[in-house]
């Protein structure tokens, strides 16, 4: 039985299988410093979690890192998409925009990349608390999606 399990694990490893959310990283990215103004944004928390899940370590300074991931822009917000006849918002768009670059040994491995994702949701003033919670959930999902996109892009380095 244990031989069968070992053979199955070997076959899964050989086909390129990896756990969901785990992206194999090149050695240059495995010890990364994240250069950003605010380390507590939703995107950055998700990015740090994804890097750690992929086996990378977050260096405390650029001098101790093999690569630096520069977060040039990290912003989120919402825009009104439609209004009612009484001029009250009926639909919003939540957006999250990031811009990042990767540098190692003084060379730009990945030039500045801009990403923006959006999600729409209907708004009802009578359900204000529920709609605020929905907006926060959407914002967290967008941050997770953005971190996944960034991880896939830096894994190709």
C-alpha atoms as a PDB file:
ATOM      1  CA  UNK A   1       0.000   0.000   0.000  1.00  0.00           C
ATOM      2  CA  UNK A   2       2.772   2.474   0.912  1.00  0.00           C
ATOM      3  CA  UNK A   3       4.509   1.664  -2.381  1.00  0.00           C
ATOM      4  CA  UNK A   4       1.321   2.579  -4.252  1.00  0.00           C
ATOM      5  CA  UNK A   5       1.092   5.907  -2.386  1.00  0.00           C
ATOM      6  CA  UNK A   6       4.725   6.674  -3.119  1.00  0.00           C
ATOM      7  CA  UNK A   7       4.207   5.858  -6.801  1.00  0.00           C
ATOM      8  CA  UNK A   8       1.122   8.095  -6.911  1.00  0.00           C
ATOM      9  CA  UNK A   9       2.999  10.999  -5.296  1.00  0.00           C
ATOM     10  CA  UNK A  10       5.884  10.532  -7.713  1.00  0.00           C
ATOM     11  CA  UNK A  11       3.490  10.563 -10.681  1.00  0.00           C
ATOM     12  CA  UNK A  12       1.755  13.713  -9.425  1.00  0.00           C
ATOM     13  CA  UNK A  13       5.092  15.468  -8.941  1.00  0.00           C
ATOM     14  CA  UNK A  14       6.286  14.465 -12.387  1.00  0.00           C
ATOM     15  CA  UNK A  15       3.204  15.838 -14.141  1.00  0.00           C
ATOM     16  CA  UNK A  16       3.657  19.328 -12.676  1.00  0.00           C
ATOM     17  CA  UNK A  17       0.848  19.015 -10.134  1.00  0.00           C
ATOM     18  CA  UNK A  18       0.913  21.454  -7.228  1.00  0.00           C
ATOM     19  CA  UNK A  19      -1.631  22.514  -4.604  1.00  0.00           C
ATOM     20  CA  UNK A  20      -4.086  25.199  -5.548  1.00  0.00           C
ATOM     21  CA  UNK A  21      -2.690  28.664  -4.840  1.00  0.00           C
ATOM     22  CA  UNK A  22       0.893  27.397  -4.723  1.00  0.00           C
ATOM     23  CA  UNK A  23       3.051  28.652  -7.574  1.00  0.00           C
ATOM     24  CA  UNK A  24       6.542  27.208  -8.089  1.00  0.00           C
ATOM     25  CA  UNK A  25       9.106  30.020  -7.885  1.00  0.00           C
ATOM     26  CA  UNK A  26      12.528  30.412  -9.422  1.00  0.00           C
ATOM     27  CA  UNK A  27      15.449  30.554  -6.958  1.00  0.00           C
ATOM     28  CA  UNK A  28      15.969  34.300  -7.515  1.00  0.00           C
ATOM     29  CA  UNK A  29      12.492  35.026  -6.067  1.00  0.00           C
ATOM     30  CA  UNK A  30      12.675  32.665  -3.091  1.00  0.00           C
ATOM     31  CA  UNK A  31      14.136  35.346  -0.812  1.00  0.00           C
ATOM     32  CA  UNK A  32      12.195  38.501  -1.625  1.00  0.00           C
ATOM     33  CA  UNK A  33      11.963  41.920  -0.080  1.00  0.00           C
ATOM     34  CA  UNK A  34       8.670  43.743  -0.618  1.00  0.00           C
ATOM     35  CA  UNK A  35       9.224  47.479  -1.022  1.00  0.00           C
ATOM     36  CA  UNK A  36       5.908  49.222  -0.356  1.00  0.00           C
ATOM     37  CA  UNK A  37       4.485  52.197   1.477  1.00  0.00           C
ATOM     38  CA  UNK A  38       1.849  50.201   3.377  1.00  0.00           C
ATOM     39  CA  UNK A  39       2.350  46.515   4.164  1.00  0.00           C
ATOM     40  CA  UNK A  40      -1.167  46.032   5.555  1.00  0.00           C
ATOM     41  CA  UNK A  41      -3.311  46.357   2.451  1.00  0.00           C
ATOM     42  CA  UNK A  42      -5.464  43.456   1.350  1.00  0.00           C
ATOM     43  CA  UNK A  43      -3.344  42.894  -1.736  1.00  0.00           C
ATOM     44  CA  UNK A  44      -0.078  42.842   0.169  1.00  0.00           C
ATOM     45  CA  UNK A  45      -1.372  40.490   2.838  1.00  0.00           C
ATOM     46  CA  UNK A  46      -2.526  38.080   0.125  1.00  0.00           C
ATOM     47  CA  UNK A  47       0.763  38.462  -1.764  1.00  0.00           C
ATOM     48  CA  UNK A  48       2.808  37.692   1.356  1.00  0.00           C
ATOM     49  CA  UNK A  49       0.608  34.668   2.081  1.00  0.00           C
ATOM     50  CA  UNK A  50       1.015  33.413  -1.501  1.00  0.00           C
ATOM     51  CA  UNK A  51       4.783  33.894  -1.437  1.00  0.00           C
ATOM     52  CA  UNK A  52       5.053  31.990   1.846  1.00  0.00           C
ATOM     53  CA  UNK A  53       2.813  29.181   0.529  1.00  0.00           C
ATOM     54  CA  UNK A  54       5.116  28.869  -2.488  1.00  0.00           C
ATOM     55  CA  UNK A  55       8.177  28.453  -0.278  1.00  0.00           C
ATOM     56  CA  UNK A  56       9.533  32.000  -0.495  1.00  0.00           C
ATOM     57  CA  UNK A  57      10.779  33.888   2.512  1.00  0.00           C
ATOM     58  CA  UNK A  58      10.174  37.595   3.003  1.00  0.00           C
ATOM     59  CA  UNK A  59      13.464  39.368   3.690  1.00  0.00           C
ATOM     60  CA  UNK A  60      13.447  42.152   6.302  1.00  0.00           C
ATOM     61  CA  UNK A  61      15.547  44.434   4.055  1.00  0.00           C
ATOM     62  CA  UNK A  62      16.555  44.765   0.408  1.00  0.00           C
ATOM     63  CA  UNK A  63      20.198  44.094   1.332  1.00  0.00           C
ATOM     64  CA  UNK A  64      19.268  40.652   2.673  1.00  0.00           C
ATOM     65  CA  UNK A  65      17.119  39.688  -0.342  1.00  0.00           C
ATOM     66  CA  UNK A  66      17.897  38.103  -3.684  1.00  0.00           C
ATOM     67  CA  UNK A  67      15.102  40.125  -5.323  1.00  0.00           C
ATOM     68  CA  UNK A  68      12.969  43.151  -4.534  1.00  0.00           C
ATOM     69  CA  UNK A  69       9.301  43.309  -5.400  1.00  0.00           C
ATOM     70  CA  UNK A  70       8.411  46.988  -5.614  1.00  0.00           C
ATOM     71  CA  UNK A  71       4.781  47.888  -5.106  1.00  0.00           C
ATOM     72  CA  UNK A  72       4.490  51.225  -6.880  1.00  0.00           C
ATOM     73  CA  UNK A  73       0.722  51.591  -6.539  1.00  0.00           C
ATOM     74  CA  UNK A  74      -1.834  49.827  -4.357  1.00  0.00           C
ATOM     75  CA  UNK A  75      -5.242  51.463  -4.273  1.00  0.00           C
ATOM     76  CA  UNK A  76      -8.853  50.483  -4.045  1.00  0.00           C
ATOM     77  CA  UNK A  77     -12.164  52.261  -4.181  1.00  0.00           C
ATOM     78  CA  UNK A  78     -15.610  52.290  -5.694  1.00  0.00           C
ATOM     79  CA  UNK A  79     -17.408  54.135  -8.438  1.00  0.00           C
ATOM     80  CA  UNK A  80     -21.122  54.672  -9.036  1.00  0.00           C
ATOM     81  CA  UNK A  81     -22.282  52.766 -12.114  1.00  0.00           C
ATOM     82  CA  UNK A  82     -25.968  53.633 -12.158  1.00  0.00           C
ATOM     83  CA  UNK A  83     -28.472  55.763 -10.265  1.00  0.00           C
ATOM     84  CA  UNK A  84     -32.239  55.616  -9.774  1.00  0.00           C
ATOM     85  CA  UNK A  85     -34.742  58.202 -10.940  1.00  0.00           C
ATOM     86  CA  UNK A  86     -34.374  59.818  -7.507  1.00  0.00           C
ATOM     87  CA  UNK A  87     -30.627  60.133  -8.169  1.00  0.00           C
ATOM     88  CA  UNK A  88     -29.595  57.573  -5.529  1.00  0.00           C
ATOM     89  CA  UNK A  89     -26.920  54.994  -6.347  1.00  0.00           C
ATOM     90  CA  UNK A  90     -28.303  51.638  -7.527  1.00  0.00           C
ATOM     91  CA  UNK A  91     -25.109  49.927  -8.634  1.00  0.00           C
ATOM     92  CA  UNK A  92     -21.449  50.309  -7.712  1.00  0.00           C
ATOM     93  CA  UNK A  93     -18.191  49.084  -9.163  1.00  0.00           C
ATOM     94  CA  UNK A  94     -15.459  48.092  -6.689  1.00  0.00           C
ATOM     95  CA  UNK A  95     -11.964  48.383  -8.145  1.00  0.00           C
ATOM     96  CA  UNK A  96      -8.487  47.448  -7.006  1.00  0.00           C
ATOM     97  CA  UNK A  97      -5.430  48.691  -8.907  1.00  0.00           C
ATOM     98  CA  UNK A  98      -1.802  47.735  -8.359  1.00  0.00           C
ATOM     99  CA  UNK A  99       1.457  48.494 -10.106  1.00  0.00           C
ATOM    100  CA  UNK A 100       4.587  46.497  -9.351  1.00  0.00           C
ATOM    101  CA  UNK A 101       8.087  45.732 -10.641  1.00  0.00           C
ATOM    102  CA  UNK A 102      10.746  43.148  -9.795  1.00  0.00           C
ATOM    103  CA  UNK A 103      14.440  44.040  -9.425  1.00  0.00           C
ATOM    104  CA  UNK A 104      17.384  41.742  -8.653  1.00  0.00           C
ATOM    105  CA  UNK A 105      21.105  42.577  -8.565  1.00  0.00           C
ATOM    106  CA  UNK A 106      20.420  46.044  -9.927  1.00  0.00           C
ATOM    107  CA  UNK A 107      18.645  44.619 -13.007  1.00  0.00           C
ATOM    108  CA  UNK A 108      14.992  45.097 -13.741  1.00  0.00           C
ATOM    109  CA  UNK A 109      13.655  41.553 -14.134  1.00  0.00           C
ATOM    110  CA  UNK A 110      10.090  42.706 -14.634  1.00  0.00           C
ATOM    111  CA  UNK A 111       9.359  46.281 -15.706  1.00  0.00           C
ATOM    112  CA  UNK A 112       6.464  48.103 -14.032  1.00  0.00           C
ATOM    113  CA  UNK A 113       3.227  46.199 -14.590  1.00  0.00           C
ATOM    114  CA  UNK A 114      -0.228  47.682 -13.999  1.00  0.00           C
ATOM    115  CA  UNK A 115      -3.205  45.579 -13.050  1.00  0.00           C
ATOM    116  CA  UNK A 116      -6.767  46.603 -12.251  1.00  0.00           C
ATOM    117  CA  UNK A 117      -9.677  44.318 -11.478  1.00  0.00           C
ATOM    118  CA  UNK A 118     -13.276  45.337 -10.905  1.00  0.00           C
ATOM    119  CA  UNK A 119     -16.480  43.780  -9.616  1.00  0.00           C
ATOM    120  CA  UNK A 120     -20.005  45.200  -9.775  1.00  0.00           C
ATOM    121  CA  UNK A 121     -22.725  44.931  -7.163  1.00  0.00           C
ATOM    122  CA  UNK A 122     -26.232  46.287  -6.761  1.00  0.00           C
ATOM    123  CA  UNK A 123     -26.893  48.688  -3.925  1.00  0.00           C
ATOM    124  CA  UNK A 124     -29.974  48.978  -1.739  1.00  0.00           C
ATOM    125  CA  UNK A 125     -30.015  51.628   0.952  1.00  0.00           C
ATOM    126  CA  UNK A 126     -32.476  49.549   2.992  1.00  0.00           C
ATOM    127  CA  UNK A 127     -29.798  46.836   3.270  1.00  0.00           C
ATOM    128  CA  UNK A 128     -26.880  49.127   3.979  1.00  0.00           C
ATOM    129  CA  UNK A 129     -24.945  46.885   6.399  1.00  0.00           C
ATOM    130  CA  UNK A 130     -25.284  43.834   4.158  1.00  0.00           C
ATOM    131  CA  UNK A 131     -24.145  45.800   1.117  1.00  0.00           C
ATOM    132  CA  UNK A 132     -21.133  47.198   2.980  1.00  0.00           C
ATOM    133  CA  UNK A 133     -20.194  43.644   3.949  1.00  0.00           C
ATOM    134  CA  UNK A 134     -20.654  42.518   0.337  1.00  0.00           C
ATOM    135  CA  UNK A 135     -18.322  45.289  -0.810  1.00  0.00           C
ATOM    136  CA  UNK A 136     -15.630  44.195   1.671  1.00  0.00           C
ATOM    137  CA  UNK A 137     -15.945  40.574   0.545  1.00  0.00           C
ATOM    138  CA  UNK A 138     -15.601  41.645  -3.097  1.00  0.00           C
ATOM    139  CA  UNK A 139     -12.565  43.769  -2.247  1.00  0.00           C
ATOM    140  CA  UNK A 140     -10.903  40.801  -0.489  1.00  0.00           C
ATOM    141  CA  UNK A 141     -11.633  38.501  -3.448  1.00  0.00           C
ATOM    142  CA  UNK A 142     -10.165  41.027  -5.874  1.00  0.00           C
ATOM    143  CA  UNK A 143      -7.015  41.343  -3.720  1.00  0.00           C
ATOM    144  CA  UNK A 144      -6.660  37.539  -3.733  1.00  0.00           C
ATOM    145  CA  UNK A 145      -7.108  37.427  -7.521  1.00  0.00           C
ATOM    146  CA  UNK A 146      -4.522  40.181  -8.027  1.00  0.00           C
ATOM    147  CA  UNK A 147      -2.007  38.397  -5.798  1.00  0.00           C
ATOM    148  CA  UNK A 148      -2.554  35.229  -7.837  1.00  0.00           C
ATOM    149  CA  UNK A 149      -1.917  37.075 -11.105  1.00  0.00           C
ATOM    150  CA  UNK A 150       1.264  38.647  -9.723  1.00  0.00           C
ATOM    151  CA  UNK A 151       2.465  35.268  -8.449  1.00  0.00           C
ATOM    152  CA  UNK A 152       1.947  33.656 -11.861  1.00  0.00           C
ATOM    153  CA  UNK A 153       3.822  36.486 -13.562  1.00  0.00           C
ATOM    154  CA  UNK A 154       6.808  36.412 -11.215  1.00  0.00           C
ATOM    155  CA  UNK A 155       6.953  32.620 -11.381  1.00  0.00           C
ATOM    156  CA  UNK A 156       7.756  32.945 -15.100  1.00  0.00           C
ATOM    157  CA  UNK A 157      10.975  34.830 -14.320  1.00  0.00           C
END
